[in-house]
């Protein structure tokens, strides 16, 4: 059961969300949030004493704000959210909201292992400025995470979220792929707007696009390494770690795909593959100086490995 304070927050959030939805209907919109475009997953800088370095975080946002991104993803895998406390997760989102350009979308990772904790984190992230939440699959009991269980989890979160929900499948980190049949069912929920798929299976991405084509549902590629291929099968953008350091090039690849310049897009995609797969050890390096792929072993002061360095 959710506590009285959480229910109060949920009711307030839902009221605000309903007001925004009614406003969009009145203006002739009547559609789910459009999440198309390129998003860098923002890293979380740490000080030498393993505290979140909010000053460096804001510096990074000012630098990233010069590129034509659609928005930013905060508290994804690149943001090392498992190593942060709940209050730190919310403070990071709040600081990013304050530092980022007002016309950009802020997608915040609110996933937790339990449905109740995810709902509470989702409501709180909405309160500190997130435009939408990105909810990773719960995975500790992955053997019990059937399609039915995941549909129940995401439906409850979406029902109670005051802002739109983006599904997040990242099997390299969770050991769990959000099943296609579950995605198709969840795509019909009015508050679930899309999925970030980081598995790298372009056939799967194309199948999701095909099976959800009658829904107002969008697919984001989870890496610049398969961005062109994802656009070719119907994805509408990507959450790309490479955009943190090669923002202009990733946005150029987006433009080439959207304008049908496939030969030039292929050449650029080829040039981006090696830097996208580079394994660079880092320790609080400014995000524009060092690319850190989300799939690599993290070495911040908060990680079990990084704390030994």
C-alpha atoms as a PDB file:
ATOM      1  CA  UNK A   1       0.000   0.000   0.000  1.00  0.00           C
ATOM      2  CA  UNK A   2       1.138   3.542  -0.742  1.00  0.00           C
ATOM      3  CA  UNK A   3       1.254   5.871   2.244  1.00  0.00           C
ATOM      4  CA  UNK A   4      -1.078   8.877   2.643  1.00  0.00           C
ATOM      5  CA  UNK A   5       1.661  11.359   1.701  1.00  0.00           C
ATOM      6  CA  UNK A   6       2.449   9.472  -1.497  1.00  0.00           C
ATOM      7  CA  UNK A   7      -1.228   9.203  -2.428  1.00  0.00           C
ATOM      8  CA  UNK A   8      -1.588  12.935  -1.837  1.00  0.00           C
ATOM      9  CA  UNK A   9       1.362  13.596  -4.149  1.00  0.00           C
ATOM     10  CA  UNK A  10      -0.049  11.225  -6.740  1.00  0.00           C
ATOM     11  CA  UNK A  11      -3.428  12.970  -6.690  1.00  0.00           C
ATOM     12  CA  UNK A  12      -1.813  16.394  -7.051  1.00  0.00           C
ATOM     13  CA  UNK A  13       0.410  15.159  -9.856  1.00  0.00           C
ATOM     14  CA  UNK A  14      -2.441  13.485 -11.694  1.00  0.00           C
ATOM     15  CA  UNK A  15      -4.483  16.654 -11.404  1.00  0.00           C
ATOM     16  CA  UNK A  16      -1.662  18.665 -12.994  1.00  0.00           C
ATOM     17  CA  UNK A  17      -1.191  16.042 -15.688  1.00  0.00           C
ATOM     18  CA  UNK A  18      -4.919  16.051 -16.467  1.00  0.00           C
ATOM     19  CA  UNK A  19      -4.855  19.824 -16.783  1.00  0.00           C
ATOM     20  CA  UNK A  20      -1.975  19.607 -19.254  1.00  0.00           C
ATOM     21  CA  UNK A  21      -3.726  16.847 -21.198  1.00  0.00           C
ATOM     22  CA  UNK A  22      -7.006  18.762 -21.362  1.00  0.00           C
ATOM     23  CA  UNK A  23      -5.076  21.782 -22.584  1.00  0.00           C
ATOM     24  CA  UNK A  24      -3.497  19.777 -25.392  1.00  0.00           C
ATOM     25  CA  UNK A  25      -6.885  18.347 -26.364  1.00  0.00           C
ATOM     26  CA  UNK A  26      -8.378  21.832 -26.429  1.00  0.00           C
ATOM     27  CA  UNK A  27      -5.613  22.963 -28.772  1.00  0.00           C
ATOM     28  CA  UNK A  28      -6.254  20.060 -31.115  1.00  0.00           C
ATOM     29  CA  UNK A  29      -3.261  17.974 -30.069  1.00  0.00           C
ATOM     30  CA  UNK A  30      -4.827  14.931 -28.395  1.00  0.00           C
ATOM     31  CA  UNK A  31      -1.658  12.863 -28.839  1.00  0.00           C
ATOM     32  CA  UNK A  32       0.948  11.402 -26.552  1.00  0.00           C
ATOM     33  CA  UNK A  33       4.178  13.296 -25.909  1.00  0.00           C
ATOM     34  CA  UNK A  34       6.514  13.295 -28.909  1.00  0.00           C
ATOM     35  CA  UNK A  35       9.916  12.013 -27.739  1.00  0.00           C
ATOM     36  CA  UNK A  36      11.632  11.858 -31.138  1.00  0.00           C
ATOM     37  CA  UNK A  37      15.202  13.124 -31.343  1.00  0.00           C
ATOM     38  CA  UNK A  38      18.656  12.634 -29.851  1.00  0.00           C
ATOM     39  CA  UNK A  39      19.312  12.566 -26.104  1.00  0.00           C
ATOM     40  CA  UNK A  40      22.680  12.269 -24.373  1.00  0.00           C
ATOM     41  CA  UNK A  41      22.449  10.212 -21.167  1.00  0.00           C
ATOM     42  CA  UNK A  42      24.042  12.613 -18.711  1.00  0.00           C
ATOM     43  CA  UNK A  43      26.815  11.301 -16.484  1.00  0.00           C
ATOM     44  CA  UNK A  44      26.971  11.969 -12.738  1.00  0.00           C
ATOM     45  CA  UNK A  45      30.327  13.529 -11.781  1.00  0.00           C
ATOM     46  CA  UNK A  46      31.820  12.734  -8.376  1.00  0.00           C
ATOM     47  CA  UNK A  47      34.399  14.523  -6.251  1.00  0.00           C
ATOM     48  CA  UNK A  48      37.558  12.847  -4.968  1.00  0.00           C
ATOM     49  CA  UNK A  49      35.650  12.071  -1.764  1.00  0.00           C
ATOM     50  CA  UNK A  50      32.826  10.302  -3.642  1.00  0.00           C
ATOM     51  CA  UNK A  51      30.283  13.103  -3.293  1.00  0.00           C
ATOM     52  CA  UNK A  52      28.138  14.158  -6.239  1.00  0.00           C
ATOM     53  CA  UNK A  53      29.877  17.108  -7.894  1.00  0.00           C
ATOM     54  CA  UNK A  54      26.920  19.351  -8.718  1.00  0.00           C
ATOM     55  CA  UNK A  55      29.182  22.112  -9.987  1.00  0.00           C
ATOM     56  CA  UNK A  56      30.712  19.831 -12.628  1.00  0.00           C
ATOM     57  CA  UNK A  57      27.252  18.524 -13.468  1.00  0.00           C
ATOM     58  CA  UNK A  58      26.061  22.038 -14.250  1.00  0.00           C
ATOM     59  CA  UNK A  59      29.218  22.745 -16.277  1.00  0.00           C
ATOM     60  CA  UNK A  60      28.531  19.647 -18.347  1.00  0.00           C
ATOM     61  CA  UNK A  61      24.918  20.709 -18.945  1.00  0.00           C
ATOM     62  CA  UNK A  62      25.966  24.151 -20.152  1.00  0.00           C
ATOM     63  CA  UNK A  63      28.391  22.518 -22.585  1.00  0.00           C
ATOM     64  CA  UNK A  64      25.833  19.981 -23.835  1.00  0.00           C
ATOM     65  CA  UNK A  65      23.216  22.710 -24.168  1.00  0.00           C
ATOM     66  CA  UNK A  66      25.027  24.090 -27.204  1.00  0.00           C
ATOM     67  CA  UNK A  67      24.041  21.089 -29.351  1.00  0.00           C
ATOM     68  CA  UNK A  68      20.662  20.602 -31.065  1.00  0.00           C
ATOM     69  CA  UNK A  69      19.553  17.739 -28.817  1.00  0.00           C
ATOM     70  CA  UNK A  70      15.875  17.117 -28.207  1.00  0.00           C
ATOM     71  CA  UNK A  71      16.602  16.822 -24.510  1.00  0.00           C
ATOM     72  CA  UNK A  72      18.572  14.975 -21.862  1.00  0.00           C
ATOM     73  CA  UNK A  73      18.287  11.661 -20.067  1.00  0.00           C
ATOM     74  CA  UNK A  74      19.236  11.790 -16.393  1.00  0.00           C
ATOM     75  CA  UNK A  75      19.654   8.844 -14.019  1.00  0.00           C
ATOM     76  CA  UNK A  76      20.067   6.272 -16.754  1.00  0.00           C
ATOM     77  CA  UNK A  77      22.875   3.708 -16.798  1.00  0.00           C
ATOM     78  CA  UNK A  78      25.407   6.395 -17.737  1.00  0.00           C
ATOM     79  CA  UNK A  79      24.255   8.405 -14.718  1.00  0.00           C
ATOM     80  CA  UNK A  80      25.158   5.523 -12.358  1.00  0.00           C
ATOM     81  CA  UNK A  81      21.821   5.772 -10.570  1.00  0.00           C
ATOM     82  CA  UNK A  82      22.301   2.501  -8.614  1.00  0.00           C
ATOM     83  CA  UNK A  83      25.135   4.184  -6.718  1.00  0.00           C
ATOM     84  CA  UNK A  84      23.067   7.195  -5.622  1.00  0.00           C
ATOM     85  CA  UNK A  85      20.719   7.661  -2.685  1.00  0.00           C
ATOM     86  CA  UNK A  86      17.093   8.543  -3.375  1.00  0.00           C
ATOM     87  CA  UNK A  87      17.680  12.137  -2.293  1.00  0.00           C
ATOM     88  CA  UNK A  88      20.725  12.407  -4.557  1.00  0.00           C
ATOM     89  CA  UNK A  89      18.766  11.064  -7.501  1.00  0.00           C
ATOM     90  CA  UNK A  90      16.136  13.752  -7.009  1.00  0.00           C
ATOM     91  CA  UNK A  91      18.682  16.495  -6.415  1.00  0.00           C
ATOM     92  CA  UNK A  92      20.498  15.605  -9.644  1.00  0.00           C
ATOM     93  CA  UNK A  93      17.236  15.842 -11.606  1.00  0.00           C
ATOM     94  CA  UNK A  94      16.413  19.160  -9.952  1.00  0.00           C
ATOM     95  CA  UNK A  95      19.856  20.609 -10.737  1.00  0.00           C
ATOM     96  CA  UNK A  96      19.679  19.446 -14.347  1.00  0.00           C
ATOM     97  CA  UNK A  97      16.223  20.988 -14.760  1.00  0.00           C
ATOM     98  CA  UNK A  98      17.571  24.318 -13.512  1.00  0.00           C
ATOM     99  CA  UNK A  99      20.706  24.235 -15.669  1.00  0.00           C
ATOM    100  CA  UNK A 100      19.344  22.924 -18.970  1.00  0.00           C
ATOM    101  CA  UNK A 101      17.729  25.029 -21.716  1.00  0.00           C
ATOM    102  CA  UNK A 102      14.019  25.481 -21.096  1.00  0.00           C
ATOM    103  CA  UNK A 103      13.015  24.204 -24.526  1.00  0.00           C
ATOM    104  CA  UNK A 104      14.591  20.762 -24.012  1.00  0.00           C
ATOM    105  CA  UNK A 105      12.866  17.655 -22.664  1.00  0.00           C
ATOM    106  CA  UNK A 106      14.101  16.086 -19.434  1.00  0.00           C
ATOM    107  CA  UNK A 107      13.686  12.305 -19.231  1.00  0.00           C
ATOM    108  CA  UNK A 108      14.521  11.025 -15.753  1.00  0.00           C
ATOM    109  CA  UNK A 109      15.209   7.429 -14.782  1.00  0.00           C
ATOM    110  CA  UNK A 110      12.819   6.526 -11.965  1.00  0.00           C
ATOM    111  CA  UNK A 111      13.017   2.732 -12.022  1.00  0.00           C
ATOM    112  CA  UNK A 112      13.329   0.820  -8.737  1.00  0.00           C
ATOM    113  CA  UNK A 113      12.999  -2.846  -7.881  1.00  0.00           C
ATOM    114  CA  UNK A 114       9.503  -2.606  -6.400  1.00  0.00           C
ATOM    115  CA  UNK A 115       6.412  -1.146  -8.024  1.00  0.00           C
ATOM    116  CA  UNK A 116       5.654   0.995  -4.981  1.00  0.00           C
ATOM    117  CA  UNK A 117       9.160   2.452  -4.851  1.00  0.00           C
ATOM    118  CA  UNK A 118       9.027   3.152  -8.602  1.00  0.00           C
ATOM    119  CA  UNK A 119       5.703   4.974  -8.250  1.00  0.00           C
ATOM    120  CA  UNK A 120       7.057   7.055  -5.377  1.00  0.00           C
ATOM    121  CA  UNK A 121      10.256   7.909  -7.251  1.00  0.00           C
ATOM    122  CA  UNK A 122       8.268   8.724 -10.397  1.00  0.00           C
ATOM    123  CA  UNK A 123       5.984  11.129  -8.558  1.00  0.00           C
ATOM    124  CA  UNK A 124       8.966  12.769  -6.871  1.00  0.00           C
ATOM    125  CA  UNK A 125      10.846  13.161 -10.158  1.00  0.00           C
ATOM    126  CA  UNK A 126       7.811  14.853 -11.668  1.00  0.00           C
ATOM    127  CA  UNK A 127       7.764  17.245  -8.735  1.00  0.00           C
ATOM    128  CA  UNK A 128      11.409  18.278  -9.253  1.00  0.00           C
ATOM    129  CA  UNK A 129      10.995  18.974 -12.959  1.00  0.00           C
ATOM    130  CA  UNK A 130      11.101  15.821 -15.096  1.00  0.00           C
ATOM    131  CA  UNK A 131       8.981  15.983 -18.259  1.00  0.00           C
ATOM    132  CA  UNK A 132       8.811  12.186 -18.512  1.00  0.00           C
ATOM    133  CA  UNK A 133      10.270   9.198 -16.722  1.00  0.00           C
ATOM    134  CA  UNK A 134      12.269   6.320 -18.124  1.00  0.00           C
ATOM    135  CA  UNK A 135      11.544   3.149 -16.166  1.00  0.00           C
ATOM    136  CA  UNK A 136      14.060   0.308 -16.307  1.00  0.00           C
ATOM    137  CA  UNK A 137      12.886  -3.271 -15.903  1.00  0.00           C
ATOM    138  CA  UNK A 138      13.045  -4.562 -12.311  1.00  0.00           C
ATOM    139  CA  UNK A 139      15.532  -7.412 -12.468  1.00  0.00           C
ATOM    140  CA  UNK A 140      16.645  -8.763  -9.085  1.00  0.00           C
ATOM    141  CA  UNK A 141      14.047 -11.543  -9.371  1.00  0.00           C
ATOM    142  CA  UNK A 142      14.487 -11.738 -13.124  1.00  0.00           C
ATOM    143  CA  UNK A 143      13.451 -15.384 -13.200  1.00  0.00           C
ATOM    144  CA  UNK A 144       9.972 -14.334 -12.079  1.00  0.00           C
ATOM    145  CA  UNK A 145       9.724 -11.324 -14.381  1.00  0.00           C
ATOM    146  CA  UNK A 146       7.258 -12.823 -16.846  1.00  0.00           C
ATOM    147  CA  UNK A 147       5.407 -10.735 -19.412  1.00  0.00           C
ATOM    148  CA  UNK A 148       2.386 -10.704 -17.100  1.00  0.00           C
ATOM    149  CA  UNK A 149       4.459  -9.482 -14.146  1.00  0.00           C
ATOM    150  CA  UNK A 150       6.112  -6.737 -16.174  1.00  0.00           C
ATOM    151  CA  UNK A 151       2.817  -5.616 -17.709  1.00  0.00           C
ATOM    152  CA  UNK A 152       1.339  -5.367 -14.204  1.00  0.00           C
ATOM    153  CA  UNK A 153       4.350  -3.391 -12.951  1.00  0.00           C
ATOM    154  CA  UNK A 154       4.436  -0.880 -15.798  1.00  0.00           C
ATOM    155  CA  UNK A 155       0.672  -0.485 -15.911  1.00  0.00           C
ATOM    156  CA  UNK A 156       0.536   0.406 -12.225  1.00  0.00           C
ATOM    157  CA  UNK A 157       3.398   2.887 -12.624  1.00  0.00           C
ATOM    158  CA  UNK A 158       1.816   4.479 -15.700  1.00  0.00           C
ATOM    159  CA  UNK A 159      -1.606   4.634 -14.024  1.00  0.00           C
ATOM    160  CA  UNK A 160      -0.181   6.610 -11.112  1.00  0.00           C
ATOM    161  CA  UNK A 161       2.475   8.660 -12.903  1.00  0.00           C
ATOM    162  CA  UNK A 162       1.669  12.359 -13.346  1.00  0.00           C
ATOM    163  CA  UNK A 163       3.976  12.480 -16.376  1.00  0.00           C
ATOM    164  CA  UNK A 164       4.500  10.214 -19.420  1.00  0.00           C
ATOM    165  CA  UNK A 165       6.383   6.931 -19.041  1.00  0.00           C
ATOM    166  CA  UNK A 166       9.093   5.563 -21.348  1.00  0.00           C
ATOM    167  CA  UNK A 167       9.889   1.851 -21.045  1.00  0.00           C
ATOM    168  CA  UNK A 168      13.590   1.008 -20.706  1.00  0.00           C
ATOM    169  CA  UNK A 169      15.071  -2.324 -21.762  1.00  0.00           C
ATOM    170  CA  UNK A 170      18.824  -2.714 -21.150  1.00  0.00           C
ATOM    171  CA  UNK A 171      19.597  -6.441 -20.993  1.00  0.00           C
ATOM    172  CA  UNK A 172      23.377  -5.928 -20.763  1.00  0.00           C
ATOM    173  CA  UNK A 173      22.866  -4.462 -17.288  1.00  0.00           C
ATOM    174  CA  UNK A 174      19.712  -6.219 -16.102  1.00  0.00           C
ATOM    175  CA  UNK A 175      20.002  -9.620 -17.762  1.00  0.00           C
ATOM    176  CA  UNK A 176      16.395  -9.123 -18.815  1.00  0.00           C
ATOM    177  CA  UNK A 177      14.888  -8.136 -22.157  1.00  0.00           C
ATOM    178  CA  UNK A 178      11.443  -6.575 -21.939  1.00  0.00           C
ATOM    179  CA  UNK A 179       9.439  -9.102 -24.035  1.00  0.00           C
ATOM    180  CA  UNK A 180       8.010  -7.827 -27.303  1.00  0.00           C
ATOM    181  CA  UNK A 181       4.515  -9.040 -26.413  1.00  0.00           C
ATOM    182  CA  UNK A 182       4.668  -7.033 -23.175  1.00  0.00           C
ATOM    183  CA  UNK A 183       5.820  -3.942 -25.090  1.00  0.00           C
ATOM    184  CA  UNK A 184       2.932  -4.305 -27.543  1.00  0.00           C
ATOM    185  CA  UNK A 185       0.394  -4.566 -24.724  1.00  0.00           C
ATOM    186  CA  UNK A 186       1.898  -1.642 -22.816  1.00  0.00           C
ATOM    187  CA  UNK A 187       2.019   0.530 -25.954  1.00  0.00           C
ATOM    188  CA  UNK A 188      -1.766   0.785 -25.711  1.00  0.00           C
ATOM    189  CA  UNK A 189      -1.614   2.527 -22.330  1.00  0.00           C
ATOM    190  CA  UNK A 190      -2.413   6.239 -22.736  1.00  0.00           C
ATOM    191  CA  UNK A 191       0.461   7.283 -20.459  1.00  0.00           C
ATOM    192  CA  UNK A 192       3.175   5.054 -21.959  1.00  0.00           C
ATOM    193  CA  UNK A 193       4.713   6.927 -24.873  1.00  0.00           C
ATOM    194  CA  UNK A 194       7.604   4.760 -26.026  1.00  0.00           C
ATOM    195  CA  UNK A 195      10.604   2.591 -25.278  1.00  0.00           C
ATOM    196  CA  UNK A 196      14.350   3.020 -25.122  1.00  0.00           C
ATOM    197  CA  UNK A 197      15.754  -0.284 -26.374  1.00  0.00           C
ATOM    198  CA  UNK A 198      19.455  -0.768 -25.631  1.00  0.00           C
ATOM    199  CA  UNK A 199      19.715  -4.418 -26.599  1.00  0.00           C
ATOM    200  CA  UNK A 200      21.153  -3.735 -30.040  1.00  0.00           C
ATOM    201  CA  UNK A 201      18.862  -6.240 -31.806  1.00  0.00           C
ATOM    202  CA  UNK A 202      17.677  -4.269 -34.830  1.00  0.00           C
ATOM    203  CA  UNK A 203      15.294  -7.055 -35.856  1.00  0.00           C
ATOM    204  CA  UNK A 204      13.594  -6.728 -32.461  1.00  0.00           C
ATOM    205  CA  UNK A 205      13.439  -2.935 -32.791  1.00  0.00           C
ATOM    206  CA  UNK A 206      11.836  -3.265 -36.209  1.00  0.00           C
ATOM    207  CA  UNK A 207       9.358  -5.804 -34.879  1.00  0.00           C
ATOM    208  CA  UNK A 208       8.352  -3.496 -32.031  1.00  0.00           C
ATOM    209  CA  UNK A 209       7.868  -0.619 -34.482  1.00  0.00           C
ATOM    210  CA  UNK A 210       5.769  -2.863 -36.730  1.00  0.00           C
ATOM    211  CA  UNK A 211       3.614  -4.338 -33.985  1.00  0.00           C
ATOM    212  CA  UNK A 212       2.919  -0.951 -32.349  1.00  0.00           C
ATOM    213  CA  UNK A 213       2.332   0.921 -35.612  1.00  0.00           C
ATOM    214  CA  UNK A 214      -1.342   1.485 -34.833  1.00  0.00           C
ATOM    215  CA  UNK A 215      -0.507   2.986 -31.448  1.00  0.00           C
ATOM    216  CA  UNK A 216       0.854   6.429 -30.641  1.00  0.00           C
ATOM    217  CA  UNK A 217       4.121   4.826 -29.519  1.00  0.00           C
ATOM    218  CA  UNK A 218       7.746   5.626 -30.356  1.00  0.00           C
ATOM    219  CA  UNK A 219      11.019   3.700 -30.221  1.00  0.00           C
ATOM    220  CA  UNK A 220      14.391   5.166 -29.267  1.00  0.00           C
ATOM    221  CA  UNK A 221      17.638   3.334 -30.016  1.00  0.00           C
ATOM    222  CA  UNK A 222      19.811   2.904 -26.944  1.00  0.00           C
ATOM    223  CA  UNK A 223      23.159   3.490 -28.646  1.00  0.00           C
ATOM    224  CA  UNK A 224      24.761   5.418 -31.484  1.00  0.00           C
ATOM    225  CA  UNK A 225      26.278   2.110 -32.624  1.00  0.00           C
ATOM    226  CA  UNK A 226      23.005   1.009 -34.209  1.00  0.00           C
ATOM    227  CA  UNK A 227      21.347   4.387 -34.679  1.00  0.00           C
ATOM    228  CA  UNK A 228      21.244   4.335 -38.488  1.00  0.00           C
ATOM    229  CA  UNK A 229      19.882   0.790 -38.548  1.00  0.00           C
ATOM    230  CA  UNK A 230      17.247   1.743 -36.000  1.00  0.00           C
ATOM    231  CA  UNK A 231      16.119   4.737 -38.041  1.00  0.00           C
ATOM    232  CA  UNK A 232      15.928   2.469 -41.083  1.00  0.00           C
ATOM    233  CA  UNK A 233      13.390   0.195 -39.360  1.00  0.00           C
ATOM    234  CA  UNK A 234      11.301   3.014 -37.907  1.00  0.00           C
ATOM    235  CA  UNK A 235      12.881   4.304 -34.694  1.00  0.00           C
ATOM    236  CA  UNK A 236      12.447   8.029 -34.083  1.00  0.00           C
ATOM    237  CA  UNK A 237      15.680   8.850 -32.274  1.00  0.00           C
ATOM    238  CA  UNK A 238      18.211   7.626 -29.782  1.00  0.00           C
ATOM    239  CA  UNK A 239      19.597   7.910 -26.291  1.00  0.00           C
ATOM    240  CA  UNK A 240      23.268   7.824 -27.201  1.00  0.00           C
ATOM    241  CA  UNK A 241      26.184   7.981 -24.777  1.00  0.00           C
ATOM    242  CA  UNK A 242      28.407   9.002 -27.675  1.00  0.00           C
ATOM    243  CA  UNK A 243      26.417  12.232 -27.954  1.00  0.00           C
ATOM    244  CA  UNK A 244      28.106  13.392 -24.747  1.00  0.00           C
ATOM    245  CA  UNK A 245      31.360  13.920 -26.648  1.00  0.00           C
ATOM    246  CA  UNK A 246      30.458  13.788 -30.339  1.00  0.00           C
ATOM    247  CA  UNK A 247      27.153  15.611 -30.109  1.00  0.00           C
ATOM    248  CA  UNK A 248      27.452  17.385 -33.452  1.00  0.00           C
ATOM    249  CA  UNK A 249      28.223  14.166 -35.295  1.00  0.00           C
ATOM    250  CA  UNK A 250      25.397  12.170 -33.704  1.00  0.00           C
ATOM    251  CA  UNK A 251      22.946  14.976 -34.503  1.00  0.00           C
ATOM    252  CA  UNK A 252      24.306  15.075 -38.058  1.00  0.00           C
ATOM    253  CA  UNK A 253      23.644  11.336 -38.383  1.00  0.00           C
ATOM    254  CA  UNK A 254      20.089  11.988 -37.232  1.00  0.00           C
ATOM    255  CA  UNK A 255      19.624  14.677 -39.896  1.00  0.00           C
ATOM    256  CA  UNK A 256      21.027  12.479 -42.654  1.00  0.00           C
ATOM    257  CA  UNK A 257      18.644   9.662 -41.739  1.00  0.00           C
ATOM    258  CA  UNK A 258      15.626  11.932 -41.502  1.00  0.00           C
ATOM    259  CA  UNK A 259      16.365  13.477 -44.916  1.00  0.00           C
ATOM    260  CA  UNK A 260      16.977  10.145 -46.625  1.00  0.00           C
ATOM    261  CA  UNK A 261      20.687  10.711 -47.317  1.00  0.00           C
ATOM    262  CA  UNK A 262      21.456   7.087 -46.584  1.00  0.00           C
ATOM    263  CA  UNK A 263      24.835   6.832 -48.322  1.00  0.00           C
ATOM    264  CA  UNK A 264      26.267   9.746 -46.343  1.00  0.00           C
ATOM    265  CA  UNK A 265      24.563   8.429 -43.217  1.00  0.00           C
ATOM    266  CA  UNK A 266      26.212   5.044 -43.706  1.00  0.00           C
ATOM    267  CA  UNK A 267      29.665   6.614 -44.024  1.00  0.00           C
ATOM    268  CA  UNK A 268      29.151   8.634 -40.848  1.00  0.00           C
ATOM    269  CA  UNK A 269      27.752   5.640 -38.974  1.00  0.00           C
ATOM    270  CA  UNK A 270      30.856   3.661 -39.897  1.00  0.00           C
ATOM    271  CA  UNK A 271      33.088   6.423 -38.517  1.00  0.00           C
ATOM    272  CA  UNK A 272      31.169   6.472 -35.244  1.00  0.00           C
ATOM    273  CA  UNK A 273      31.332   2.729 -34.526  1.00  0.00           C
ATOM    274  CA  UNK A 274      34.862   2.651 -33.118  1.00  0.00           C
ATOM    275  CA  UNK A 275      34.510   5.601 -30.728  1.00  0.00           C
ATOM    276  CA  UNK A 276      31.145   4.234 -29.649  1.00  0.00           C
ATOM    277  CA  UNK A 277      32.690   0.934 -28.616  1.00  0.00           C
ATOM    278  CA  UNK A 278      35.830   2.434 -27.087  1.00  0.00           C
ATOM    279  CA  UNK A 279      36.586   1.301 -23.573  1.00  0.00           C
ATOM    280  CA  UNK A 280      37.996   4.296 -21.710  1.00  0.00           C
ATOM    281  CA  UNK A 281      38.636   4.122 -17.981  1.00  0.00           C
ATOM    282  CA  UNK A 282      37.773   7.390 -16.324  1.00  0.00           C
ATOM    283  CA  UNK A 283      37.752   9.028 -12.968  1.00  0.00           C
ATOM    284  CA  UNK A 284      35.641  12.187 -12.742  1.00  0.00           C
ATOM    285  CA  UNK A 285      36.739  13.349 -16.178  1.00  0.00           C
ATOM    286  CA  UNK A 286      34.538  16.118 -17.663  1.00  0.00           C
ATOM    287  CA  UNK A 287      32.053  14.503 -19.980  1.00  0.00           C
ATOM    288  CA  UNK A 288      33.312  16.286 -23.073  1.00  0.00           C
ATOM    289  CA  UNK A 289      36.878  15.058 -22.493  1.00  0.00           C
ATOM    290  CA  UNK A 290      36.166  11.362 -22.136  1.00  0.00           C
ATOM    291  CA  UNK A 291      33.558   9.066 -23.662  1.00  0.00           C
ATOM    292  CA  UNK A 292      32.326   6.335 -21.373  1.00  0.00           C
ATOM    293  CA  UNK A 293      30.026   3.773 -23.000  1.00  0.00           C
ATOM    294  CA  UNK A 294      27.183   2.632 -20.740  1.00  0.00           C
ATOM    295  CA  UNK A 295      28.147  -1.006 -21.160  1.00  0.00           C
ATOM    296  CA  UNK A 296      31.690  -0.624 -19.818  1.00  0.00           C
ATOM    297  CA  UNK A 297      32.729  -1.298 -16.235  1.00  0.00           C
ATOM    298  CA  UNK A 298      32.109   1.896 -14.324  1.00  0.00           C
ATOM    299  CA  UNK A 299      34.995   3.265 -12.311  1.00  0.00           C
ATOM    300  CA  UNK A 300      33.568   6.144 -10.309  1.00  0.00           C
ATOM    301  CA  UNK A 301      34.332   6.438  -6.602  1.00  0.00           C
ATOM    302  CA  UNK A 302      30.897   4.946  -5.843  1.00  0.00           C
ATOM    303  CA  UNK A 303      31.363   1.680  -7.738  1.00  0.00           C
ATOM    304  CA  UNK A 304      32.862  -1.408  -6.024  1.00  0.00           C
ATOM    305  CA  UNK A 305      35.625  -1.429  -8.665  1.00  0.00           C
ATOM    306  CA  UNK A 306      36.164   2.312  -8.854  1.00  0.00           C
ATOM    307  CA  UNK A 307      36.522   2.647  -5.089  1.00  0.00           C
ATOM    308  CA  UNK A 308      39.665   0.522  -5.316  1.00  0.00           C
ATOM    309  CA  UNK A 309      41.367   2.756  -7.861  1.00  0.00           C
END
